[in-house]
Amino acid sequence: MAVTTLALATAAALAVNWPLLACAGALAAASHAAVATSARACRRCARLPEPKSPPLPSY
């Protein structure tokens, strides 16, 4: 996503219809920020230790 944002920003500077590509670059940057934030939260939750459960009674 970061590479896509950079590519869109570069293309916007060279394109005739640059406002459209500038908006696409801004959208790519915003979506990258949103996905990166939730991915960090997911990795943090995945590392949490499992709660200890009481031993099962044996009959």
C-alpha atoms as a PDB file:
ATOM      1  CA  MET A   1       0.000   0.000   0.000  1.00  0.00           C
ATOM      2  CA  ALA A   2       2.842   2.380   0.739  1.00  0.00           C
ATOM      3  CA  VAL A   3       4.340   1.741  -2.697  1.00  0.00           C
ATOM      4  CA  THR A   4       0.935   2.306  -4.296  1.00  0.00           C
ATOM      5  CA  THR A   5       0.592   5.634  -2.520  1.00  0.00           C
ATOM      6  CA  LEU A   6       4.030   6.701  -3.728  1.00  0.00           C
ATOM      7  CA  ALA A   7       3.272   5.555  -7.277  1.00  0.00           C
ATOM      8  CA  LEU A   8      -0.027   7.459  -7.336  1.00  0.00           C
ATOM      9  CA  ALA A   9       1.632  10.594  -6.001  1.00  0.00           C
ATOM     10  CA  THR A  10       4.342  10.369  -8.664  1.00  0.00           C
ATOM     11  CA  ALA A  11       1.801   9.705 -11.412  1.00  0.00           C
ATOM     12  CA  ALA A  12      -0.316  12.642 -10.237  1.00  0.00           C
ATOM     13  CA  ALA A  13       2.596  14.984 -10.769  1.00  0.00           C
ATOM     14  CA  LEU A  14       3.000  13.760 -14.365  1.00  0.00           C
ATOM     15  CA  ALA A  15      -0.644  13.259 -15.347  1.00  0.00           C
ATOM     16  CA  VAL A  16      -3.028  15.599 -17.125  1.00  0.00           C
ATOM     17  CA  ASN A  17      -5.893  14.623 -14.801  1.00  0.00           C
ATOM     18  CA  TRP A  18      -3.806  15.105 -11.655  1.00  0.00           C
ATOM     19  CA  PRO A  19      -6.650  15.948  -9.199  1.00  0.00           C
ATOM     20  CA  LEU A  20      -8.136  12.475  -9.664  1.00  0.00           C
ATOM     21  CA  LEU A  21      -4.801  10.762  -9.054  1.00  0.00           C
ATOM     22  CA  ALA A  22      -4.086  13.039  -6.089  1.00  0.00           C
ATOM     23  CA  CYS A  23      -7.410  11.987  -4.525  1.00  0.00           C
ATOM     24  CA  ALA A  24      -6.592   8.333  -5.206  1.00  0.00           C
ATOM     25  CA  GLY A  25      -3.207   8.775  -3.531  1.00  0.00           C
ATOM     26  CA  ALA A  26      -4.804  10.388  -0.502  1.00  0.00           C
ATOM     27  CA  LEU A  27      -7.324   7.550  -0.283  1.00  0.00           C
ATOM     28  CA  ALA A  28      -4.540   4.967  -0.521  1.00  0.00           C
ATOM     29  CA  ALA A  29      -2.603   6.721   2.255  1.00  0.00           C
ATOM     30  CA  ALA A  30      -5.681   6.879   4.494  1.00  0.00           C
ATOM     31  CA  SER A  31      -6.583   3.239   3.949  1.00  0.00           C
ATOM     32  CA  HIS A  32      -2.973   2.230   4.607  1.00  0.00           C
ATOM     33  CA  ALA A  33      -3.082   4.056   7.931  1.00  0.00           C
ATOM     34  CA  ALA A  34      -6.354   2.365   8.905  1.00  0.00           C
ATOM     35  CA  VAL A  35      -5.177  -1.121   7.955  1.00  0.00           C
ATOM     36  CA  ALA A  36      -1.807  -0.659   9.663  1.00  0.00           C
ATOM     37  CA  THR A  37      -3.478   0.394  12.909  1.00  0.00           C
ATOM     38  CA  SER A  38      -5.796  -2.609  13.013  1.00  0.00           C
ATOM     39  CA  ALA A  39      -2.964  -4.973  12.034  1.00  0.00           C
ATOM     40  CA  ARG A  40      -0.861  -3.737  14.962  1.00  0.00           C
ATOM     41  CA  ALA A  41      -3.806  -4.274  17.324  1.00  0.00           C
ATOM     42  CA  CYS A  42      -4.356  -7.773  15.938  1.00  0.00           C
ATOM     43  CA  ARG A  43      -0.697  -8.730  16.423  1.00  0.00           C
ATOM     44  CA  ARG A  44      -0.814  -7.371  19.965  1.00  0.00           C
ATOM     45  CA  CYS A  45      -3.894  -9.499  20.761  1.00  0.00           C
ATOM     46  CA  ALA A  46      -2.352 -12.584  19.167  1.00  0.00           C
ATOM     47  CA  ARG A  47       0.585 -12.395  21.575  1.00  0.00           C
ATOM     48  CA  LEU A  48      -1.544 -12.334  24.718  1.00  0.00           C
ATOM     49  CA  PRO A  49      -0.944 -15.372  26.937  1.00  0.00           C
ATOM     50  CA  GLU A  50      -3.757 -17.854  27.306  1.00  0.00           C
ATOM     51  CA  PRO A  51      -5.580 -17.656  30.613  1.00  0.00           C
ATOM     52  CA  LYS A  52      -4.914 -20.578  32.915  1.00  0.00           C
ATOM     53  CA  SER A  53      -7.910 -22.816  33.236  1.00  0.00           C
ATOM     54  CA  PRO A  54      -8.518 -24.866  36.392  1.00  0.00           C
ATOM     55  CA  PRO A  55      -7.621 -28.540  36.067  1.00  0.00           C
ATOM     56  CA  LEU A  56     -10.458 -30.861  35.116  1.00  0.00           C
ATOM     57  CA  PRO A  57     -11.564 -33.287  37.816  1.00  0.00           C
ATOM     58  CA  SER A  58     -10.613 -36.901  37.150  1.00  0.00           C
ATOM     59  CA  TYR A  59     -13.188 -39.547  38.047  1.00  0.00           C
END
